[in-house]
Amino acid sequence: YTVRHTLYGVYTDVIHCMVCILYVIHCMACIQYVIHCMASVLYVIHCMTSIMYVVHCVACIMYAIHSIACILYLIHCIACILYAIHSMACILYFIQCMACILYVIH
């Protein structure tokens, strides 16, 4: 009875140790899975940061295009003002010509 009891105790202890070892392996697998998940989250954050950097670059390019368009519009406005001054000069020149003609006729 004592030998049988001792063997039973040894088997029980061995099974208990194996269960503990399996539990430790399970816990390590869980920890590894958590680390993997955290790495995945960090990778997603890294990707989002990269996407935001690309969006920022595109915004900078669009702003540069907008600035060029503003400069071109300013040049256009100056050209319009110069054309208006030129037109007024032409009108004044026309009036002067008409005055000369009227003077000659007179």
PDB file of N, CA and C in Angstrom:
ATOM      1  N   TYR A   1       0.833  -1.205   0.000  1.00  0.00           N
ATOM      2  CA  TYR A   1       0.000   0.000   0.000  1.00  0.00           C
ATOM      3  C   TYR A   1       0.862   1.247   0.000  1.00  0.00           C
ATOM      4  N   THR A   2       1.933   1.259   0.729  1.00  0.00           N
ATOM      5  CA  THR A   2       2.809   2.415   0.820  1.00  0.00           C
ATOM      6  C   THR A   2       3.512   2.673  -0.521  1.00  0.00           C
ATOM      7  N   VAL A   3       4.001   1.587  -1.182  1.00  0.00           N
ATOM      8  CA  VAL A   3       4.654   1.751  -2.481  1.00  0.00           C
ATOM      9  C   VAL A   3       3.667   2.285  -3.495  1.00  0.00           C
ATOM     10  N   ARG A   4       2.479   1.707  -3.481  1.00  0.00           N
ATOM     11  CA  ARG A   4       1.444   2.155  -4.408  1.00  0.00           C
ATOM     12  C   ARG A   4       1.079   3.618  -4.138  1.00  0.00           C
ATOM     13  N   HIS A   5       0.964   3.971  -2.884  1.00  0.00           N
ATOM     14  CA  HIS A   5       0.639   5.337  -2.500  1.00  0.00           C
ATOM     15  C   HIS A   5       1.762   6.275  -2.940  1.00  0.00           C
ATOM     16  N   THR A   6       3.019   5.854  -2.751  1.00  0.00           N
ATOM     17  CA  THR A   6       4.162   6.671  -3.130  1.00  0.00           C
ATOM     18  C   THR A   6       4.199   6.854  -4.639  1.00  0.00           C
ATOM     19  N   LEU A   7       3.983   5.763  -5.419  1.00  0.00           N
ATOM     20  CA  LEU A   7       3.952   5.852  -6.878  1.00  0.00           C
ATOM     21  C   LEU A   7       2.828   6.778  -7.337  1.00  0.00           C
ATOM     22  N   TYR A   8       1.690   6.641  -6.694  1.00  0.00           N
ATOM     23  CA  TYR A   8       0.552   7.505  -7.026  1.00  0.00           C
ATOM     24  C   TYR A   8       0.916   8.969  -6.773  1.00  0.00           C
ATOM     25  N   GLY A   9       1.600   9.208  -5.649  1.00  0.00           N
ATOM     26  CA  GLY A   9       2.038  10.569  -5.322  1.00  0.00           C
ATOM     27  C   GLY A   9       3.039  11.082  -6.334  1.00  0.00           C
ATOM     28  N   VAL A  10       3.966  10.216  -6.749  1.00  0.00           N
ATOM     29  CA  VAL A  10       4.965  10.626  -7.748  1.00  0.00           C
ATOM     30  C   VAL A  10       4.279  10.947  -9.068  1.00  0.00           C
ATOM     31  N   TYR A  11       3.383  10.064  -9.515  1.00  0.00           N
ATOM     32  CA  TYR A  11       2.650  10.320 -10.761  1.00  0.00           C
ATOM     33  C   TYR A  11       1.864  11.624 -10.666  1.00  0.00           C
ATOM     34  N   THR A  12       1.242  11.830  -9.534  1.00  0.00           N
ATOM     35  CA  THR A  12       0.466  13.063  -9.339  1.00  0.00           C
ATOM     36  C   THR A  12       1.377  14.274  -9.414  1.00  0.00           C
ATOM     37  N   ASP A  13       2.551  14.184  -8.764  1.00  0.00           N
ATOM     38  CA  ASP A  13       3.495  15.302  -8.791  1.00  0.00           C
ATOM     39  C   ASP A  13       4.015  15.558 -10.213  1.00  0.00           C
ATOM     40  N   VAL A  14       4.327  14.465 -10.947  1.00  0.00           N
ATOM     41  CA  VAL A  14       4.805  14.610 -12.312  1.00  0.00           C
ATOM     42  C   VAL A  14       3.740  15.254 -13.185  1.00  0.00           C
ATOM     43  N   ILE A  15       2.510  14.784 -13.065  1.00  0.00           N
ATOM     44  CA  ILE A  15       1.398  15.365 -13.846  1.00  0.00           C
ATOM     45  C   ILE A  15       1.213  16.827 -13.469  1.00  0.00           C
ATOM     46  N   HIS A  16       1.292  17.134 -12.191  1.00  0.00           N
ATOM     47  CA  HIS A  16       1.147  18.514 -11.730  1.00  0.00           C
ATOM     48  C   HIS A  16       2.252  19.387 -12.336  1.00  0.00           C
ATOM     49  N   CYS A  17       3.504  18.892 -12.324  1.00  0.00           N
ATOM     50  CA  CYS A  17       4.627  19.641 -12.906  1.00  0.00           C
ATOM     51  C   CYS A  17       4.421  19.849 -14.399  1.00  0.00           C
ATOM     52  N   MET A  18       3.948  18.816 -15.098  1.00  0.00           N
ATOM     53  CA  MET A  18       3.718  18.954 -16.536  1.00  0.00           C
ATOM     54  C   MET A  18       2.631  19.985 -16.819  1.00  0.00           C
ATOM     55  N   VAL A  19       1.590  19.956 -15.986  1.00  0.00           N
ATOM     56  CA  VAL A  19       0.522  20.945 -16.139  1.00  0.00           C
ATOM     57  C   VAL A  19       1.085  22.353 -15.915  1.00  0.00           C
ATOM     58  N   CYS A  20       1.953  22.486 -14.879  1.00  0.00           N
ATOM     59  CA  CYS A  20       2.559  23.794 -14.617  1.00  0.00           C
ATOM     60  C   CYS A  20       3.412  24.240 -15.801  1.00  0.00           C
ATOM     61  N   ILE A  21       4.216  23.306 -16.353  1.00  0.00           N
ATOM     62  CA  ILE A  21       5.060  23.631 -17.502  1.00  0.00           C
ATOM     63  C   ILE A  21       4.197  24.045 -18.691  1.00  0.00           C
ATOM     64  N   LEU A  22       3.114  23.296 -18.944  1.00  0.00           N
ATOM     65  CA  LEU A  22       2.210  23.652 -20.030  1.00  0.00           C
ATOM     66  C   LEU A  22       1.573  25.023 -19.787  1.00  0.00           C
ATOM     67  N   TYR A  23       1.259  25.315 -18.530  1.00  0.00           N
ATOM     68  CA  TYR A  23       0.666  26.608 -18.197  1.00  0.00           C
ATOM     69  C   TYR A  23       1.664  27.739 -18.458  1.00  0.00           C
ATOM     70  N   VAL A  24       2.936  27.498 -18.073  1.00  0.00           N
ATOM     71  CA  VAL A  24       3.976  28.500 -18.322  1.00  0.00           C
ATOM     72  C   VAL A  24       4.138  28.714 -19.828  1.00  0.00           C
ATOM     73  N   ILE A  25       4.159  27.628 -20.608  1.00  0.00           N
ATOM     74  CA  ILE A  25       4.259  27.736 -22.067  1.00  0.00           C
ATOM     75  C   ILE A  25       3.072  28.517 -22.621  1.00  0.00           C
ATOM     76  N   HIS A  26       1.890  28.236 -22.101  1.00  0.00           N
ATOM     77  CA  HIS A  26       0.680  28.944 -22.514  1.00  0.00           C
ATOM     78  C   HIS A  26       0.803  30.431 -22.196  1.00  0.00           C
ATOM     79  N   CYS A  27       1.284  30.745 -20.996  1.00  0.00           N
ATOM     80  CA  CYS A  27       1.444  32.149 -20.609  1.00  0.00           C
ATOM     81  C   CYS A  27       2.451  32.846 -21.525  1.00  0.00           C
ATOM     82  N   MET A  28       3.564  32.163 -21.831  1.00  0.00           N
ATOM     83  CA  MET A  28       4.569  32.754 -22.717  1.00  0.00           C
ATOM     84  C   MET A  28       3.986  32.990 -24.107  1.00  0.00           C
ATOM     85  N   ALA A  29       3.158  32.046 -24.563  1.00  0.00           N
ATOM     86  CA  ALA A  29       2.504  32.216 -25.861  1.00  0.00           C
ATOM     87  C   ALA A  29       1.577  33.427 -25.825  1.00  0.00           C
ATOM     88  N   CYS A  30       0.866  33.585 -24.705  1.00  0.00           N
ATOM     89  CA  CYS A  30      -0.032  34.743 -24.569  1.00  0.00           C
ATOM     90  C   CYS A  30       0.772  36.040 -24.579  1.00  0.00           C
ATOM     91  N   ILE A  31       1.886  36.064 -23.855  1.00  0.00           N
ATOM     92  CA  ILE A  31       2.728  37.259 -23.811  1.00  0.00           C
ATOM     93  C   ILE A  31       3.271  37.567 -25.210  1.00  0.00           C
ATOM     94  N   GLN A  32       3.720  36.510 -25.909  1.00  0.00           N
ATOM     95  CA  GLN A  32       4.220  36.696 -27.271  1.00  0.00           C
ATOM     96  C   GLN A  32       3.112  37.257 -28.171  1.00  0.00           C
ATOM     97  N   TYR A  33       1.894  36.778 -27.989  1.00  0.00           N
ATOM     98  CA  TYR A  33       0.768  37.267 -28.789  1.00  0.00           C
ATOM     99  C   TYR A  33       0.498  38.737 -28.484  1.00  0.00           C
ATOM    100  N   VAL A  34       0.569  39.115 -27.199  1.00  0.00           N
ATOM    101  CA  VAL A  34       0.363  40.512 -26.809  1.00  0.00           C
ATOM    102  C   VAL A  34       1.450  41.386 -27.441  1.00  0.00           C
ATOM    103  N   ILE A  35       2.708  40.916 -27.390  1.00  0.00           N
ATOM    104  CA  ILE A  35       3.812  41.670 -27.997  1.00  0.00           C
ATOM    105  C   ILE A  35       3.581  41.806 -29.505  1.00  0.00           C
ATOM    106  N   HIS A  36       3.137  40.732 -30.142  1.00  0.00           N
ATOM    107  CA  HIS A  36       2.838  40.771 -31.571  1.00  0.00           C
ATOM    108  C   HIS A  36       1.740  41.795 -31.863  1.00  0.00           C
ATOM    109  N   CYS A  37       0.698  41.795 -31.033  1.00  0.00           N
ATOM    110  CA  CYS A  37      -0.401  42.752 -31.221  1.00  0.00           C
ATOM    111  C   CYS A  37       0.098  44.183 -31.057  1.00  0.00           C
ATOM    112  N   MET A  38       0.933  44.414 -30.031  1.00  0.00           N
ATOM    113  CA  MET A  38       1.465  45.757 -29.814  1.00  0.00           C
ATOM    114  C   MET A  38       2.337  46.180 -30.987  1.00  0.00           C
ATOM    115  N   ALA A  39       3.132  45.247 -31.518  1.00  0.00           N
ATOM    116  CA  ALA A  39       3.950  45.551 -32.687  1.00  0.00           C
ATOM    117  C   ALA A  39       3.065  45.902 -33.876  1.00  0.00           C
ATOM    118  N   SER A  40       1.960  45.185 -34.020  1.00  0.00           N
ATOM    119  CA  SER A  40       1.026  45.481 -35.113  1.00  0.00           C
ATOM    120  C   SER A  40       0.439  46.880 -34.958  1.00  0.00           C
ATOM    121  N   VAL A  41       0.072  47.231 -33.729  1.00  0.00           N
ATOM    122  CA  VAL A  41      -0.484  48.562 -33.466  1.00  0.00           C
ATOM    123  C   VAL A  41       0.560  49.635 -33.783  1.00  0.00           C
ATOM    124  N   LEU A  42       1.814  49.396 -33.342  1.00  0.00           N
ATOM    125  CA  LEU A  42       2.882  50.355 -33.621  1.00  0.00           C
ATOM    126  C   LEU A  42       3.125  50.475 -35.121  1.00  0.00           C
ATOM    127  N   TYR A  43       3.015  49.362 -35.829  1.00  0.00           N
ATOM    128  CA  TYR A  43       3.201  49.395 -37.284  1.00  0.00           C
ATOM    129  C   TYR A  43       2.090  50.216 -37.935  1.00  0.00           C
ATOM    130  N   VAL A  44       0.861  50.045 -37.462  1.00  0.00           N
ATOM    131  CA  VAL A  44      -0.265  50.821 -37.999  1.00  0.00           C
ATOM    132  C   VAL A  44      -0.032  52.313 -37.731  1.00  0.00           C
ATOM    133  N   ILE A  45       0.428  52.636 -36.506  1.00  0.00           N
ATOM    134  CA  ILE A  45       0.712  54.036 -36.178  1.00  0.00           C
ATOM    135  C   ILE A  45       1.808  54.575 -37.096  1.00  0.00           C
ATOM    136  N   HIS A  46       2.840  53.761 -37.338  1.00  0.00           N
ATOM    137  CA  HIS A  46       3.924  54.157 -38.242  1.00  0.00           C
ATOM    138  C   HIS A  46       3.377  54.423 -39.649  1.00  0.00           C
ATOM    139  N   CYS A  47       2.497  53.532 -40.118  1.00  0.00           N
ATOM    140  CA  CYS A  47       1.896  53.709 -41.450  1.00  0.00           C
ATOM    141  C   CYS A  47       1.060  54.983 -41.504  1.00  0.00           C
ATOM    142  N   MET A  48       0.276  55.224 -40.443  1.00  0.00           N
ATOM    143  CA  MET A  48      -0.547  56.434 -40.399  1.00  0.00           C
ATOM    144  C   MET A  48       0.339  57.682 -40.426  1.00  0.00           C
ATOM    145  N   THR A  49       1.460  57.625 -39.695  1.00  0.00           N
ATOM    146  CA  THR A  49       2.399  58.749 -39.692  1.00  0.00           C
ATOM    147  C   THR A  49       2.945  58.973 -41.092  1.00  0.00           C
ATOM    148  N   SER A  50       3.285  57.886 -41.777  1.00  0.00           N
ATOM    149  CA  SER A  50       3.789  58.003 -43.151  1.00  0.00           C
ATOM    150  C   SER A  50       2.727  58.614 -44.059  1.00  0.00           C
ATOM    151  N   ILE A  51       1.488  58.167 -43.910  1.00  0.00           N
ATOM    152  CA  ILE A  51       0.384  58.697 -44.720  1.00  0.00           C
ATOM    153  C   ILE A  51       0.204  60.191 -44.437  1.00  0.00           C
ATOM    154  N   MET A  52       0.278  60.569 -43.154  1.00  0.00           N
ATOM    155  CA  MET A  52       0.132  61.979 -42.797  1.00  0.00           C
ATOM    156  C   MET A  52       1.278  62.803 -43.388  1.00  0.00           C
ATOM    157  N   TYR A  53       2.478  62.220 -43.440  1.00  0.00           N
ATOM    158  CA  TYR A  53       3.621  62.916 -44.039  1.00  0.00           C
ATOM    159  C   TYR A  53       3.381  63.144 -45.525  1.00  0.00           C
ATOM    160  N   VAL A  54       2.839  62.130 -46.195  1.00  0.00           N
ATOM    161  CA  VAL A  54       2.526  62.264 -47.624  1.00  0.00           C
ATOM    162  C   VAL A  54       1.466  63.340 -47.816  1.00  0.00           C
ATOM    163  N   VAL A  55       0.425  63.321 -46.976  1.00  0.00           N
ATOM    164  CA  VAL A  55      -0.636  64.336 -47.068  1.00  0.00           C
ATOM    165  C   VAL A  55      -0.041  65.727 -46.857  1.00  0.00           C
ATOM    166  N   HIS A  56       0.888  65.839 -45.895  1.00  0.00           N
ATOM    167  CA  HIS A  56       1.536  67.127 -45.629  1.00  0.00           C
ATOM    168  C   HIS A  56       2.311  67.593 -46.859  1.00  0.00           C
ATOM    169  N   CYS A  57       3.048  66.664 -47.487  1.00  0.00           N
ATOM    170  CA  CYS A  57       3.808  67.011 -48.691  1.00  0.00           C
ATOM    171  C   CYS A  57       2.880  67.476 -49.806  1.00  0.00           C
ATOM    172  N   VAL A  58       1.781  66.756 -50.006  1.00  0.00           N
ATOM    173  CA  VAL A  58       0.811  67.134 -51.041  1.00  0.00           C
ATOM    174  C   VAL A  58       0.243  68.519 -50.734  1.00  0.00           C
ATOM    175  N   ALA A  59      -0.054  68.767 -49.453  1.00  0.00           N
ATOM    176  CA  ALA A  59      -0.575  70.083 -49.058  1.00  0.00           C
ATOM    177  C   ALA A  59       0.451  71.174 -49.352  1.00  0.00           C
ATOM    178  N   CYS A  60       1.738  70.872 -49.086  1.00  0.00           N
ATOM    179  CA  CYS A  60       2.787  71.862 -49.381  1.00  0.00           C
ATOM    180  C   CYS A  60       2.856  72.140 -50.884  1.00  0.00           C
ATOM    181  N   ILE A  61       2.777  71.094 -51.682  1.00  0.00           N
ATOM    182  CA  ILE A  61       2.809  71.260 -53.139  1.00  0.00           C
ATOM    183  C   ILE A  61       1.602  72.081 -53.593  1.00  0.00           C
ATOM    184  N   MET A  62       0.426  71.767 -53.055  1.00  0.00           N
ATOM    185  CA  MET A  62      -0.781  72.514 -53.423  1.00  0.00           C
ATOM    186  C   MET A  62      -0.652  73.982 -53.008  1.00  0.00           C
ATOM    187  N   TYR A  63      -0.046  74.220 -51.831  1.00  0.00           N
ATOM    188  CA  TYR A  63       0.142  75.603 -51.372  1.00  0.00           C
ATOM    189  C   TYR A  63       1.097  76.338 -52.300  1.00  0.00           C
ATOM    190  N   ALA A  64       2.157  75.636 -52.748  1.00  0.00           N
ATOM    191  CA  ALA A  64       3.103  76.254 -53.685  1.00  0.00           C
ATOM    192  C   ALA A  64       2.396  76.612 -54.986  1.00  0.00           C
ATOM    193  N   ILE A  65       1.570  75.691 -55.495  1.00  0.00           N
ATOM    194  CA  ILE A  65       0.806  75.961 -56.725  1.00  0.00           C
ATOM    195  C   ILE A  65      -0.122  77.151 -56.513  1.00  0.00           C
ATOM    196  N   HIS A  66      -0.785  77.188 -55.337  1.00  0.00           N
ATOM    197  CA  HIS A  66      -1.674  78.299 -55.001  1.00  0.00           C
ATOM    198  C   HIS A  66      -0.894  79.614 -54.979  1.00  0.00           C
ATOM    199  N   SER A  67       0.307  79.586 -54.387  1.00  0.00           N
ATOM    200  CA  SER A  67       1.130  80.795 -54.319  1.00  0.00           C
ATOM    201  C   SER A  67       1.515  81.266 -55.719  1.00  0.00           C
ATOM    202  N   ILE A  68       1.900  80.322 -56.575  1.00  0.00           N
ATOM    203  CA  ILE A  68       2.249  80.673 -57.960  1.00  0.00           C
ATOM    204  C   ILE A  68       1.026  81.284 -58.651  1.00  0.00           C
ATOM    205  N   ALA A  69      -0.149  80.673 -58.416  1.00  0.00           N
ATOM    206  CA  ALA A  69      -1.382  81.202 -59.014  1.00  0.00           C
ATOM    207  C   ALA A  69      -1.647  82.618 -58.518  1.00  0.00           C
ATOM    208  N   CYS A  70      -1.396  82.872 -57.223  1.00  0.00           N
ATOM    209  CA  CYS A  70      -1.602  84.220 -56.679  1.00  0.00           C
ATOM    210  C   CYS A  70      -0.642  85.217 -57.326  1.00  0.00           C
ATOM    211  N   ILE A  71       0.615  84.796 -57.488  1.00  0.00           N
ATOM    212  CA  ILE A  71       1.597  85.678 -58.128  1.00  0.00           C
ATOM    213  C   ILE A  71       1.178  85.962 -59.572  1.00  0.00           C
ATOM    214  N   LEU A  72       0.738  84.912 -60.293  1.00  0.00           N
ATOM    215  CA  LEU A  72       0.280  85.109 -61.675  1.00  0.00           C
ATOM    216  C   LEU A  72      -0.930  86.034 -61.724  1.00  0.00           C
ATOM    217  N   TYR A  73      -1.833  85.892 -60.758  1.00  0.00           N
ATOM    218  CA  TYR A  73      -3.011  86.765 -60.713  1.00  0.00           C
ATOM    219  C   TYR A  73      -2.593  88.205 -60.458  1.00  0.00           C
ATOM    220  N   LEU A  74      -1.599  88.404 -59.570  1.00  0.00           N
ATOM    221  CA  LEU A  74      -1.093  89.748 -59.299  1.00  0.00           C
ATOM    222  C   LEU A  74      -0.484  90.341 -60.564  1.00  0.00           C
ATOM    223  N   ILE A  75       0.308  89.535 -61.283  1.00  0.00           N
ATOM    224  CA  ILE A  75       0.894  89.999 -62.549  1.00  0.00           C
ATOM    225  C   ILE A  75      -0.221  90.368 -63.539  1.00  0.00           C
ATOM    226  N   HIS A  76      -1.271  89.547 -63.583  1.00  0.00           N
ATOM    227  CA  HIS A  76      -2.414  89.818 -64.455  1.00  0.00           C
ATOM    228  C   HIS A  76      -3.070  91.148 -64.074  1.00  0.00           C
ATOM    229  N   CYS A  77      -3.244  91.384 -62.762  1.00  0.00           N
ATOM    230  CA  CYS A  77      -3.861  92.638 -62.311  1.00  0.00           C
ATOM    231  C   CYS A  77      -3.000  93.835 -62.707  1.00  0.00           C
ATOM    232  N   ILE A  78      -1.679  93.701 -62.508  1.00  0.00           N
ATOM    233  CA  ILE A  78      -0.778  94.802 -62.892  1.00  0.00           C
ATOM    234  C   ILE A  78      -0.866  95.049 -64.402  1.00  0.00           C
ATOM    235  N   ALA A  79      -0.914  93.966 -65.180  1.00  0.00           N
ATOM    236  CA  ALA A  79      -1.041  94.102 -66.639  1.00  0.00           C
ATOM    237  C   ALA A  79      -2.347  94.813 -66.997  1.00  0.00           C
ATOM    238  N   CYS A  80      -3.434  94.453 -66.286  1.00  0.00           N
ATOM    239  CA  CYS A  80      -4.726  95.117 -66.556  1.00  0.00           C
ATOM    240  C   CYS A  80      -4.634  96.606 -66.235  1.00  0.00           C
ATOM    241  N   ILE A  81      -4.002  96.948 -65.118  1.00  0.00           N
ATOM    242  CA  ILE A  81      -3.852  98.367 -64.747  1.00  0.00           C
ATOM    243  C   ILE A  81      -3.025  99.102 -65.801  1.00  0.00           C
ATOM    244  N   LEU A  82      -1.915  98.467 -66.218  1.00  0.00           N
ATOM    245  CA  LEU A  82      -1.079  99.095 -67.252  1.00  0.00           C
ATOM    246  C   LEU A  82      -1.847  99.250 -68.558  1.00  0.00           C
ATOM    247  N   TYR A  83      -2.684  98.247 -68.884  1.00  0.00           N
ATOM    248  CA  TYR A  83      -3.494  98.326 -70.113  1.00  0.00           C
ATOM    249  C   TYR A  83      -4.518  99.457 -69.999  1.00  0.00           C
ATOM    250  N   ALA A  84      -5.102  99.620 -68.811  1.00  0.00           N
ATOM    251  CA  ALA A  84      -6.070 100.705 -68.609  1.00  0.00           C
ATOM    252  C   ALA A  84      -5.378 102.057 -68.760  1.00  0.00           C
ATOM    253  N   ILE A  85      -4.159 102.186 -68.200  1.00  0.00           N
ATOM    254  CA  ILE A  85      -3.402 103.435 -68.352  1.00  0.00           C
ATOM    255  C   ILE A  85      -3.081 103.678 -69.828  1.00  0.00           C
ATOM    256  N   HIS A  86      -2.685 102.617 -70.517  1.00  0.00           N
ATOM    257  CA  HIS A  86      -2.396 102.718 -71.951  1.00  0.00           C
ATOM    258  C   HIS A  86      -3.652 103.147 -72.718  1.00  0.00           C
ATOM    259  N   SER A  87      -4.797 102.552 -72.353  1.00  0.00           N
ATOM    260  CA  SER A  87      -6.063 102.916 -73.025  1.00  0.00           C
ATOM    261  C   SER A  87      -6.401 104.375 -72.797  1.00  0.00           C
ATOM    262  N   MET A  88      -6.209 104.837 -71.557  1.00  0.00           N
ATOM    263  CA  MET A  88      -6.493 106.250 -71.277  1.00  0.00           C
ATOM    264  C   MET A  88      -5.557 107.148 -72.080  1.00  0.00           C
ATOM    265  N   ALA A  89      -4.286 106.725 -72.180  1.00  0.00           N
ATOM    266  CA  ALA A  89      -3.331 107.507 -72.981  1.00  0.00           C
ATOM    267  C   ALA A  89      -3.773 107.536 -74.439  1.00  0.00           C
ATOM    268  N   CYS A  90      -4.261 106.391 -74.942  1.00  0.00           N
ATOM    269  CA  CYS A  90      -4.761 106.339 -76.325  1.00  0.00           C
ATOM    270  C   CYS A  90      -5.949 107.265 -76.504  1.00  0.00           C
ATOM    271  N   ILE A  91      -6.848 107.273 -75.541  1.00  0.00           N
ATOM    272  CA  ILE A  91      -8.026 108.148 -75.616  1.00  0.00           C
ATOM    273  C   ILE A  91      -7.576 109.616 -75.614  1.00  0.00           C
ATOM    274  N   LEU A  92      -6.632 109.933 -74.704  1.00  0.00           N
ATOM    275  CA  LEU A  92      -6.130 111.317 -74.662  1.00  0.00           C
ATOM    276  C   LEU A  92      -5.434 111.692 -75.973  1.00  0.00           C
ATOM    277  N   TYR A  93      -4.700 110.744 -76.539  1.00  0.00           N
ATOM    278  CA  TYR A  93      -4.032 110.994 -77.820  1.00  0.00           C
ATOM    279  C   TYR A  93      -5.073 111.216 -78.920  1.00  0.00           C
ATOM    280  N   PHE A  94      -6.153 110.437 -78.872  1.00  0.00           N
ATOM    281  CA  PHE A  94      -7.236 110.592 -79.843  1.00  0.00           C
ATOM    282  C   PHE A  94      -7.884 111.972 -79.703  1.00  0.00           C
ATOM    283  N   ILE A  95      -8.122 112.381 -78.460  1.00  0.00           N
ATOM    284  CA  ILE A  95      -8.719 113.710 -78.223  1.00  0.00           C
ATOM    285  C   ILE A  95      -7.781 114.798 -78.752  1.00  0.00           C
ATOM    286  N   GLN A  96      -6.477 114.611 -78.495  1.00  0.00           N
ATOM    287  CA  GLN A  96      -5.515 115.592 -78.992  1.00  0.00           C
ATOM    288  C   GLN A  96      -5.539 115.663 -80.519  1.00  0.00           C
ATOM    289  N   CYS A  97      -5.622 114.466 -81.170  1.00  0.00           N
ATOM    290  CA  CYS A  97      -5.699 114.438 -82.633  1.00  0.00           C
ATOM    291  C   CYS A  97      -6.949 115.153 -83.124  1.00  0.00           C
ATOM    292  N   MET A  98      -8.082 114.876 -82.476  1.00  0.00           N
ATOM    293  CA  MET A  98      -9.340 115.518 -82.870  1.00  0.00           C
ATOM    294  C   MET A  98      -9.234 117.028 -82.695  1.00  0.00           C
ATOM    295  N   ALA A  99      -8.605 117.456 -81.600  1.00  0.00           N
ATOM    296  CA  ALA A  99      -8.439 118.885 -81.356  1.00  0.00           C
ATOM    297  C   ALA A  99      -7.581 119.514 -82.461  1.00  0.00           C
ATOM    298  N   CYS A 100      -6.522 118.789 -82.864  1.00  0.00           N
ATOM    299  CA  CYS A 100      -5.660 119.293 -83.955  1.00  0.00           C
ATOM    300  C   CYS A 100      -6.452 119.400 -85.237  1.00  0.00           C
ATOM    301  N   ILE A 101      -7.211 118.383 -85.560  1.00  0.00           N
ATOM    302  CA  ILE A 101      -8.020 118.399 -86.782  1.00  0.00           C
ATOM    303  C   ILE A 101      -9.009 119.548 -86.748  1.00  0.00           C
ATOM    304  N   LEU A 102      -9.708 119.719 -85.593  1.00  0.00           N
ATOM    305  CA  LEU A 102     -10.668 120.806 -85.459  1.00  0.00           C
ATOM    306  C   LEU A 102      -9.965 122.164 -85.571  1.00  0.00           C
ATOM    307  N   TYR A 103      -8.770 122.248 -85.028  1.00  0.00           N
ATOM    308  CA  TYR A 103      -8.016 123.502 -85.127  1.00  0.00           C
ATOM    309  C   TYR A 103      -7.648 123.805 -86.572  1.00  0.00           C
ATOM    310  N   VAL A 104      -7.221 122.744 -87.294  1.00  0.00           N
ATOM    311  CA  VAL A 104      -6.874 122.941 -88.696  1.00  0.00           C
ATOM    312  C   VAL A 104      -8.117 123.357 -89.488  1.00  0.00           C
ATOM    313  N   ILE A 105      -9.234 122.680 -89.222  1.00  0.00           N
ATOM    314  CA  ILE A 105     -10.478 123.030 -89.910  1.00  0.00           C
ATOM    315  C   ILE A 105     -10.891 124.446 -89.579  1.00  0.00           C
ATOM    316  N   HIS A 106     -10.747 124.784 -88.322  1.00  0.00           N
ATOM    317  CA  HIS A 106     -11.137 126.125 -87.889  1.00  0.00           C
ATOM    318  C   HIS A 106     -10.250 127.154 -88.545  1.00  0.00           C
TER     319      HIS A 106
END
